[in-house]
C-alpha atoms as a PDB file:
ATOM      1  CA  MET A   1      15.932   4.145   3.933  1.00  0.00           C
ATOM      2  CA  LYS A   2      15.745   3.492   0.174  1.00  0.00           C
ATOM      3  CA  LYS A   3      18.900   1.366   0.342  1.00  0.00           C
ATOM      4  CA  HIS A   4      17.432  -0.555   3.272  1.00  0.00           C
ATOM      5  CA  LEU A   5      14.230  -1.353   1.353  1.00  0.00           C
ATOM      6  CA  PHE A   6      16.152  -2.275  -1.796  1.00  0.00           C
ATOM      7  CA  ILE A   7      18.295  -4.692   0.223  1.00  0.00           C
ATOM      8  CA  LEU A   8      15.128  -6.052   1.841  1.00  0.00           C
ATOM      9  CA  PHE A   9      13.570  -6.767  -1.567  1.00  0.00           C
ATOM     10  CA  ILE A  10      16.783  -8.401  -2.845  1.00  0.00           C
ATOM     11  CA  ALA A  11      17.154 -10.519   0.307  1.00  0.00           C
ATOM     12  CA  TRP A  12      13.491 -11.414   0.118  1.00  0.00           C
ATOM     13  CA  GLY A  13      13.894 -12.468  -3.501  1.00  0.00           C
ATOM     14  CA  CYS A  14      16.818 -14.737  -2.599  1.00  0.00           C
ATOM     15  CA  GLN A  15      14.945 -16.153   0.364  1.00  0.00           C
ATOM     16  CA  SER A  16      11.882 -16.883  -1.724  1.00  0.00           C
ATOM     17  CA  LEU A  17      13.718 -19.041  -4.269  1.00  0.00           C
ATOM     18  CA  ALA A  18      12.580 -22.199  -2.504  1.00  0.00           C
ATOM     19  CA  GLN A  19       9.191 -21.071  -1.294  1.00  0.00           C
ATOM     20  CA  THR A  20       5.741 -20.108  -2.395  1.00  0.00           C
ATOM     21  CA  THR A  21       5.034 -16.428  -2.859  1.00  0.00           C
ATOM     22  CA  PHE A  22       2.001 -14.517  -4.010  1.00  0.00           C
ATOM     23  CA  ARG A  23       2.515 -11.468  -6.226  1.00  0.00           C
ATOM     24  CA  THR A  24       0.908  -8.844  -8.410  1.00  0.00           C
ATOM     25  CA  GLU A  25       1.931  -5.661 -10.182  1.00  0.00           C
ATOM     26  CA  THR A  26      -1.653  -4.522 -10.629  1.00  0.00           C
ATOM     27  CA  GLY A  27      -2.829  -4.088  -7.069  1.00  0.00           C
ATOM     28  CA  GLU A  28      -5.030  -1.105  -6.336  1.00  0.00           C
ATOM     29  CA  ILE A  29      -4.781   1.585  -3.691  1.00  0.00           C
ATOM     30  CA  GLN A  30      -7.401   4.308  -3.411  1.00  0.00           C
ATOM     31  CA  PHE A  31      -7.324   7.271  -1.121  1.00  0.00           C
ATOM     32  CA  ASP A  32      -9.992   9.707  -0.078  1.00  0.00           C
ATOM     33  CA  ALA A  33      -9.023  13.067   1.457  1.00  0.00           C
ATOM     34  CA  SER A  34     -12.417  14.648   0.829  1.00  0.00           C
ATOM     35  CA  THR A  35     -14.075  17.250   3.019  1.00  0.00           C
ATOM     36  CA  PRO A  36     -17.525  18.856   2.739  1.00  0.00           C
ATOM     37  CA  LEU A  37     -15.869  21.594   0.638  1.00  0.00           C
ATOM     38  CA  GLU A  38     -13.850  19.441  -1.773  1.00  0.00           C
ATOM     39  CA  ASP A  39     -14.022  15.943  -3.272  1.00  0.00           C
ATOM     40  CA  ILE A  40     -10.447  14.614  -3.241  1.00  0.00           C
ATOM     41  CA  TYR A  41     -10.186  11.039  -4.428  1.00  0.00           C
ATOM     42  CA  ALA A  42      -7.472   9.163  -6.362  1.00  0.00           C
ATOM     43  CA  ILE A  43      -6.648   5.629  -7.425  1.00  0.00           C
ATOM     44  CA  ASN A  44      -3.391   3.856  -8.299  1.00  0.00           C
ATOM     45  CA  SER A  45      -3.807   0.538 -10.143  1.00  0.00           C
ATOM     46  CA  LYS A  46      -0.116  -0.215 -10.668  1.00  0.00           C
ATOM     47  CA  VAL A  47       0.849  -1.261  -7.157  1.00  0.00           C
ATOM     48  CA  ASN A  48       3.349  -4.086  -6.568  1.00  0.00           C
ATOM     49  CA  PHE A  49       2.492  -6.581  -3.817  1.00  0.00           C
ATOM     50  CA  ALA A  50       4.426  -9.604  -2.585  1.00  0.00           C
ATOM     51  CA  LEU A  51       3.334 -11.983   0.169  1.00  0.00           C
ATOM     52  CA  THR A  52       5.355 -14.993   1.354  1.00  0.00           C
ATOM     53  CA  ALA A  53       3.890 -18.206   2.704  1.00  0.00           C
ATOM     54  CA  GLU A  54       5.277 -17.124   6.105  1.00  0.00           C
ATOM     55  CA  GLY A  55       3.126 -13.966   6.079  1.00  0.00           C
ATOM     56  CA  GLU A  56       5.768 -11.367   5.171  1.00  0.00           C
ATOM     57  CA  ILE A  57       4.231  -8.662   3.010  1.00  0.00           C
ATOM     58  CA  ALA A  58       5.767  -5.883   0.934  1.00  0.00           C
ATOM     59  CA  VAL A  59       3.971  -3.216  -1.079  1.00  0.00           C
ATOM     60  CA  LEU A  60       5.593  -0.688  -3.405  1.00  0.00           C
ATOM     61  CA  LEU A  61       3.967   2.070  -5.428  1.00  0.00           C
ATOM     62  CA  LEU A  62       4.975   5.069  -7.498  1.00  0.00           C
ATOM     63  CA  VAL A  63       3.044   8.030  -6.125  1.00  0.00           C
ATOM     64  CA  LYS A  64       2.846   9.707  -9.558  1.00  0.00           C
ATOM     65  CA  GLU A  65       0.632   6.815 -10.673  1.00  0.00           C
ATOM     66  CA  PHE A  66      -2.305   8.098  -8.609  1.00  0.00           C
ATOM     67  CA  ASP A  67      -5.003   9.182 -11.020  1.00  0.00           C
ATOM     68  CA  PHE A  68      -7.425  12.005 -10.149  1.00  0.00           C
ATOM     69  CA  LYS A  69     -10.582  13.085 -11.982  1.00  0.00           C
ATOM     70  CA  ARG A  70      -9.212  16.607 -12.272  1.00  0.00           C
ATOM     71  CA  LYS A  71      -5.691  16.904 -13.673  1.00  0.00           C
ATOM     72  CA  LEU A  72      -5.050  20.196 -11.846  1.00  0.00           C
ATOM     73  CA  MET A  73      -5.721  18.413  -8.547  1.00  0.00           C
ATOM     74  CA  GLN A  74      -3.282  15.665  -9.598  1.00  0.00           C
ATOM     75  CA  GLU A  75      -0.654  18.293 -10.408  1.00  0.00           C
ATOM     76  CA  HIS A  76      -1.096  19.991  -7.011  1.00  0.00           C
ATOM     77  CA  PHE A  77      -0.931  16.604  -5.257  1.00  0.00           C
ATOM     78  CA  ASN A  78       2.367  15.697  -6.930  1.00  0.00           C
ATOM     79  CA  GLU A  79       4.038  19.113  -6.755  1.00  0.00           C
ATOM     80  CA  ASN A  80       2.762  20.716  -3.545  1.00  0.00           C
ATOM     81  CA  TYR A  81       1.679  17.967  -1.158  1.00  0.00           C
ATOM     82  CA  ILE A  82       3.362  14.617  -1.775  1.00  0.00           C
ATOM     83  CA  GLU A  83       6.365  16.135  -3.613  1.00  0.00           C
ATOM     84  CA  SER A  84       6.629  13.107  -5.887  1.00  0.00           C
ATOM     85  CA  ASP A  85       9.846  14.275  -7.567  1.00  0.00           C
ATOM     86  CA  LYS A  86      11.555  14.249  -4.169  1.00  0.00           C
ATOM     87  CA  TYR A  87       9.667  11.230  -2.750  1.00  0.00           C
ATOM     88  CA  PRO A  88       8.681   9.118  -5.786  1.00  0.00           C
ATOM     89  CA  LYS A  89       7.780   5.884  -3.962  1.00  0.00           C
ATOM     90  CA  ALA A  90       5.749   4.707  -1.006  1.00  0.00           C
ATOM     91  CA  TYR A  91       6.410   1.410   0.776  1.00  0.00           C
ATOM     92  CA  LEU A  92       4.639  -0.839   3.215  1.00  0.00           C
ATOM     93  CA  THR A  93       6.423  -3.800   4.781  1.00  0.00           C
ATOM     94  CA  GLY A  94       5.208  -6.036   7.549  1.00  0.00           C
ATOM     95  CA  ASN A  95       3.974  -9.374   8.790  1.00  0.00           C
ATOM     96  CA  LEU A  96       0.581 -11.035   8.961  1.00  0.00           C
ATOM     97  CA  VAL A  97      -0.003 -12.696  12.321  1.00  0.00           C
ATOM     98  CA  ALA A  98      -0.720 -16.459  12.112  1.00  0.00           C
ATOM     99  CA  PHE A  99      -0.857 -16.457   8.306  1.00  0.00           C
ATOM    100  CA  ASP A 100      -0.968 -19.854   6.606  1.00  0.00           C
ATOM    101  CA  PRO A 101      -1.870 -19.972   2.902  1.00  0.00           C
ATOM    102  CA  GLU A 102      -3.329 -23.456   3.390  1.00  0.00           C
ATOM    103  CA  ASP A 103      -6.051 -21.930   5.598  1.00  0.00           C
ATOM    104  CA  ILE A 104      -7.291 -19.572   2.863  1.00  0.00           C
ATOM    105  CA  SER A 105     -10.599 -20.506   1.273  1.00  0.00           C
ATOM    106  CA  GLU A 106     -13.477 -18.754  -0.460  1.00  0.00           C
ATOM    107  CA  GLU A 107     -14.569 -17.479   2.944  1.00  0.00           C
ATOM    108  CA  PRO A 108     -12.729 -14.262   3.890  1.00  0.00           C
ATOM    109  CA  ARG A 109     -10.335 -14.639   6.797  1.00  0.00           C
ATOM    110  CA  THR A 110      -9.080 -11.688   8.859  1.00  0.00           C
ATOM    111  CA  TYR A 111      -5.417 -11.195   9.768  1.00  0.00           C
ATOM    112  CA  SER A 112      -3.592  -8.572  11.812  1.00  0.00           C
ATOM    113  CA  LEU A 113      -0.889  -6.695   9.935  1.00  0.00           C
ATOM    114  CA  SER A 114       1.997  -5.183  11.855  1.00  0.00           C
ATOM    115  CA  GLY A 115       4.548  -3.216   9.873  1.00  0.00           C
ATOM    116  CA  GLU A 116       5.882   0.091   8.637  1.00  0.00           C
ATOM    117  CA  LEU A 117       4.541   2.560   6.090  1.00  0.00           C
ATOM    118  CA  THR A 118       6.967   4.920   4.365  1.00  0.00           C
ATOM    119  CA  LEU A 119       5.302   7.881   2.663  1.00  0.00           C
ATOM    120  CA  HIS A 120       6.715  11.317   1.831  1.00  0.00           C
ATOM    121  CA  GLY A 121      10.074  10.192   3.222  1.00  0.00           C
ATOM    122  CA  VAL A 122       8.644   9.415   6.672  1.00  0.00           C
ATOM    123  CA  THR A 123       8.404   5.884   8.069  1.00  0.00           C
ATOM    124  CA  ARG A 124       5.707   5.211  10.667  1.00  0.00           C
ATOM    125  CA  PRO A 125       4.421   2.005  12.270  1.00  0.00           C
ATOM    126  CA  ILE A 126       1.179   0.653  10.895  1.00  0.00           C
ATOM    127  CA  TYR A 127      -1.243  -1.796  12.478  1.00  0.00           C
ATOM    128  CA  THR A 128      -4.398  -2.815  10.674  1.00  0.00           C
ATOM    129  CA  GLU A 129      -6.690  -5.738   9.958  1.00  0.00           C
ATOM    130  CA  LEU A 130      -6.989  -7.173   6.469  1.00  0.00           C
ATOM    131  CA  THR A 131      -9.028  -9.921   4.897  1.00  0.00           C
ATOM    132  CA  ILE A 132      -7.841 -12.561   2.490  1.00  0.00           C
ATOM    133  CA  ASP A 133      -9.913 -15.049   0.555  1.00  0.00           C
ATOM    134  CA  ARG A 134      -9.334 -17.291  -2.444  1.00  0.00           C
ATOM    135  CA  GLU A 135     -10.864 -16.725  -5.886  1.00  0.00           C
ATOM    136  CA  GLY A 136      -9.687 -19.552  -8.111  1.00  0.00           C
ATOM    137  CA  SER A 137      -5.886 -19.414  -8.224  1.00  0.00           C
ATOM    138  CA  PHE A 138      -5.751 -15.906  -6.706  1.00  0.00           C
ATOM    139  CA  LEU A 139      -5.545 -14.705  -3.126  1.00  0.00           C
ATOM    140  CA  VAL A 140      -7.655 -11.569  -2.759  1.00  0.00           C
ATOM    141  CA  LEU A 141      -6.362  -9.155  -0.142  1.00  0.00           C
ATOM    142  CA  GLN A 142      -8.422  -6.196   1.143  1.00  0.00           C
ATOM    143  CA  THR A 143      -7.961  -3.625   3.858  1.00  0.00           C
ATOM    144  CA  GLU A 144      -8.872  -0.095   4.831  1.00  0.00           C
ATOM    145  CA  PHE A 145      -7.056   2.236   7.195  1.00  0.00           C
ATOM    146  CA  ALA A 146      -6.480   5.926   7.838  1.00  0.00           C
ATOM    147  CA  ILE A 147      -3.302   7.969   7.849  1.00  0.00           C
ATOM    148  CA  LYS A 148      -2.812  11.488   9.124  1.00  0.00           C
ATOM    149  CA  THR A 149      -1.122  13.951   6.778  1.00  0.00           C
ATOM    150  CA  GLU A 150       0.809  15.495   9.676  1.00  0.00           C
ATOM    151  CA  ASP A 151       2.269  12.063  10.612  1.00  0.00           C
ATOM    152  CA  HIS A 152       4.042  12.010   7.246  1.00  0.00           C
ATOM    153  CA  LYS A 153       4.960  15.704   7.229  1.00  0.00           C
ATOM    154  CA  ILE A 154       2.592  16.449   4.350  1.00  0.00           C
ATOM    155  CA  LYS A 155       1.910  20.156   4.642  1.00  0.00           C
ATOM    156  CA  VAL A 156      -1.446  21.558   3.657  1.00  0.00           C
ATOM    157  CA  PRO A 157      -1.369  25.339   3.094  1.00  0.00           C
ATOM    158  CA  ARG A 158      -3.371  27.217   5.707  1.00  0.00           C
ATOM    159  CA  ILE A 159      -5.686  28.638   3.052  1.00  0.00           C
ATOM    160  CA  LEU A 160      -6.663  25.085   1.975  1.00  0.00           C
ATOM    161  CA  PHE A 161      -6.782  23.279   5.320  1.00  0.00           C
ATOM    162  CA  LYS A 162     -10.601  23.094   5.219  1.00  0.00           C
ATOM    163  CA  LYS A 163     -10.553  21.541   1.738  1.00  0.00           C
ATOM    164  CA  VAL A 164      -8.153  18.656   2.485  1.00  0.00           C
ATOM    165  CA  ALA A 165      -8.921  16.072   5.173  1.00  0.00           C
ATOM    166  CA  LYS A 166      -6.373  15.786   7.960  1.00  0.00           C
ATOM    167  CA  GLU A 167      -7.070  12.058   8.086  1.00  0.00           C
ATOM    168  CA  VAL A 168      -6.931  10.303   4.718  1.00  0.00           C
ATOM    169  CA  ARG A 169      -8.884   7.074   4.188  1.00  0.00           C
ATOM    170  CA  VAL A 170      -6.910   4.423   2.302  1.00  0.00           C
ATOM    171  CA  ARG A 171      -8.473   1.372   0.666  1.00  0.00           C
ATOM    172  CA  VAL A 172      -6.362  -1.518  -0.647  1.00  0.00           C
ATOM    173  CA  LEU A 173      -7.373  -4.325  -3.000  1.00  0.00           C
ATOM    174  CA  ALA A 174      -5.052  -6.847  -4.631  1.00  0.00           C
ATOM    175  CA  GLN A 175      -5.398 -10.167  -6.418  1.00  0.00           C
ATOM    176  CA  LEU A 176      -2.181 -12.059  -5.809  1.00  0.00           C
ATOM    177  CA  MET A 177      -1.068 -14.891  -8.083  1.00  0.00           C
ATOM    178  CA  GLU A 178       0.714 -17.845  -6.507  1.00  0.00           C
ATOM    179  CA  THR A 179       4.246 -18.453  -7.734  1.00  0.00           C
ATOM    180  CA  LYS A 180       6.419 -21.385  -6.736  1.00  0.00           C
ATOM    181  CA  GLU A 181      10.035 -20.786  -7.472  1.00  0.00           C
ATOM    182  CA  ALA A 182      12.566 -23.598  -7.778  1.00  0.00           C
ATOM    183  CA  GLU A 183      15.892 -23.550  -5.957  1.00  0.00           C
END
């Protein structure tokens, strides 16, 4: 799967030589796996996003970049749950239905995203709605969705199953800069 995604990014890069793309390396993904017994929240502000004028989107993040308030929780997340040494990256690839960058204004516009999310070595389909609006020269992309830990084979020890949510809320925010690349 890693080779497939690498080839996808290379092919995408070659394809985008004559087109407009929108990119950032400082997108933000937050997740919340809190329960009434435990507050489990983390943020990663070093997420790579790319969006073509045709609506193809790719997101890449290093899972070790998630930052928790409590370092012990971060250590458990990386070693016991997400196994970041074994599965260091997460990917999202997909398409935005009826996306046209010329239609983006200061008023948020909603698009349907259809794609695949790879997390913890497991690739699953993802369908969600996201909004995009324009702030100056940036496109601002936002979405929220939920993922189930069991769908990505993330095992929660039986003793802790009441402390970690089975359904994790994910919030995404990115300011994408327009880039026009010459042939």
